[in-house]
Amino acid sequence: MPWYIWLVIFIALGSIVGSLLMLRSGARKIPLTAEQKQRIAQRNAEADAEDARNR
């Protein structure tokens, strides 16, 4: 393959990897209180029970 095809491939892969790394570095955890975590767990349990009933 010509050198410029390799260059295009390298630039495309580099931009994909770079974008993923930027997303990873920009991600942050959401601080939740214990009450919020409990409500989330309760909603998940209710959704799981609903799914089980619909099957």
C-alpha atoms as a PDB file:
ATOM      1  CA  MET A   1       0.000   0.000   0.000  1.00  0.00           C
ATOM      2  CA  PRO A   2       1.193   3.523  -0.640  1.00  0.00           C
ATOM      3  CA  TRP A   3       2.493   5.543   2.271  1.00  0.00           C
ATOM      4  CA  TYR A   4      -0.404   8.002   2.217  1.00  0.00           C
ATOM      5  CA  ILE A   5      -2.949   5.193   2.811  1.00  0.00           C
ATOM      6  CA  TRP A   6      -1.002   4.225   5.938  1.00  0.00           C
ATOM      7  CA  LEU A   7      -1.012   7.876   6.976  1.00  0.00           C
ATOM      8  CA  VAL A   8      -4.801   8.101   6.595  1.00  0.00           C
ATOM      9  CA  ILE A   9      -5.255   4.881   8.580  1.00  0.00           C
ATOM     10  CA  PHE A  10      -2.925   6.126  11.309  1.00  0.00           C
ATOM     11  CA  ILE A  11      -4.709   9.486  11.557  1.00  0.00           C
ATOM     12  CA  ALA A  12      -8.142   7.809  11.704  1.00  0.00           C
ATOM     13  CA  LEU A  13      -7.083   5.388  14.428  1.00  0.00           C
ATOM     14  CA  GLY A  14      -5.324   8.156  16.326  1.00  0.00           C
ATOM     15  CA  SER A  15      -8.405  10.354  16.284  1.00  0.00           C
ATOM     16  CA  ILE A  16     -10.596   7.485  17.508  1.00  0.00           C
ATOM     17  CA  VAL A  17      -8.242   6.587  20.342  1.00  0.00           C
ATOM     18  CA  GLY A  18      -7.715  10.244  21.222  1.00  0.00           C
ATOM     19  CA  SER A  19     -11.457  10.874  21.381  1.00  0.00           C
ATOM     20  CA  LEU A  20     -11.978   7.876  23.639  1.00  0.00           C
ATOM     21  CA  LEU A  21      -9.195   9.022  25.954  1.00  0.00           C
ATOM     22  CA  MET A  22     -10.681  12.517  26.130  1.00  0.00           C
ATOM     23  CA  LEU A  23     -14.087  11.059  27.013  1.00  0.00           C
ATOM     24  CA  ARG A  24     -12.509   8.912  29.713  1.00  0.00           C
ATOM     25  CA  SER A  25     -10.591  11.789  31.247  1.00  0.00           C
ATOM     26  CA  GLY A  26     -13.635  14.063  31.190  1.00  0.00           C
ATOM     27  CA  ALA A  27     -15.899  11.549  32.896  1.00  0.00           C
ATOM     28  CA  ARG A  28     -16.505  12.096  36.567  1.00  0.00           C
ATOM     29  CA  LYS A  29     -18.358  10.220  39.235  1.00  0.00           C
ATOM     30  CA  ILE A  30     -21.620  11.638  40.463  1.00  0.00           C
ATOM     31  CA  PRO A  31     -21.596  12.055  44.227  1.00  0.00           C
ATOM     32  CA  LEU A  32     -24.737  10.436  45.636  1.00  0.00           C
ATOM     33  CA  THR A  33     -26.005  10.362  49.168  1.00  0.00           C
ATOM     34  CA  ALA A  34     -26.877   7.085  50.843  1.00  0.00           C
ATOM     35  CA  GLU A  35     -30.583   7.934  50.487  1.00  0.00           C
ATOM     36  CA  GLN A  36     -30.236   8.479  46.735  1.00  0.00           C
ATOM     37  CA  LYS A  37     -28.375   5.176  46.349  1.00  0.00           C
ATOM     38  CA  GLN A  38     -31.124   3.427  48.295  1.00  0.00           C
ATOM     39  CA  ARG A  39     -33.854   4.931  46.070  1.00  0.00           C
ATOM     40  CA  ILE A  40     -31.952   3.865  42.947  1.00  0.00           C
ATOM     41  CA  ALA A  41     -31.595   0.323  44.275  1.00  0.00           C
ATOM     42  CA  GLN A  42     -35.321   0.252  45.096  1.00  0.00           C
ATOM     43  CA  ARG A  43     -36.290   1.452  41.596  1.00  0.00           C
ATOM     44  CA  ASN A  44     -33.995  -1.164  40.046  1.00  0.00           C
ATOM     45  CA  ALA A  45     -35.577  -3.895  42.158  1.00  0.00           C
ATOM     46  CA  GLU A  46     -39.061  -2.723  41.146  1.00  0.00           C
ATOM     47  CA  ALA A  47     -38.071  -2.676  37.466  1.00  0.00           C
ATOM     48  CA  ASP A  48     -36.590  -6.187  37.753  1.00  0.00           C
ATOM     49  CA  ALA A  49     -39.790  -7.439  39.398  1.00  0.00           C
ATOM     50  CA  GLU A  50     -41.868  -5.831  36.641  1.00  0.00           C
ATOM     51  CA  ASP A  51     -39.710  -7.484  33.976  1.00  0.00           C
ATOM     52  CA  ALA A  52     -40.040 -10.845  35.702  1.00  0.00           C
ATOM     53  CA  ARG A  53     -43.840 -10.505  35.758  1.00  0.00           C
ATOM     54  CA  ASN A  54     -43.962  -9.611  32.056  1.00  0.00           C
ATOM     55  CA  ARG A  55     -42.044 -12.706  30.983  1.00  0.00           C
END
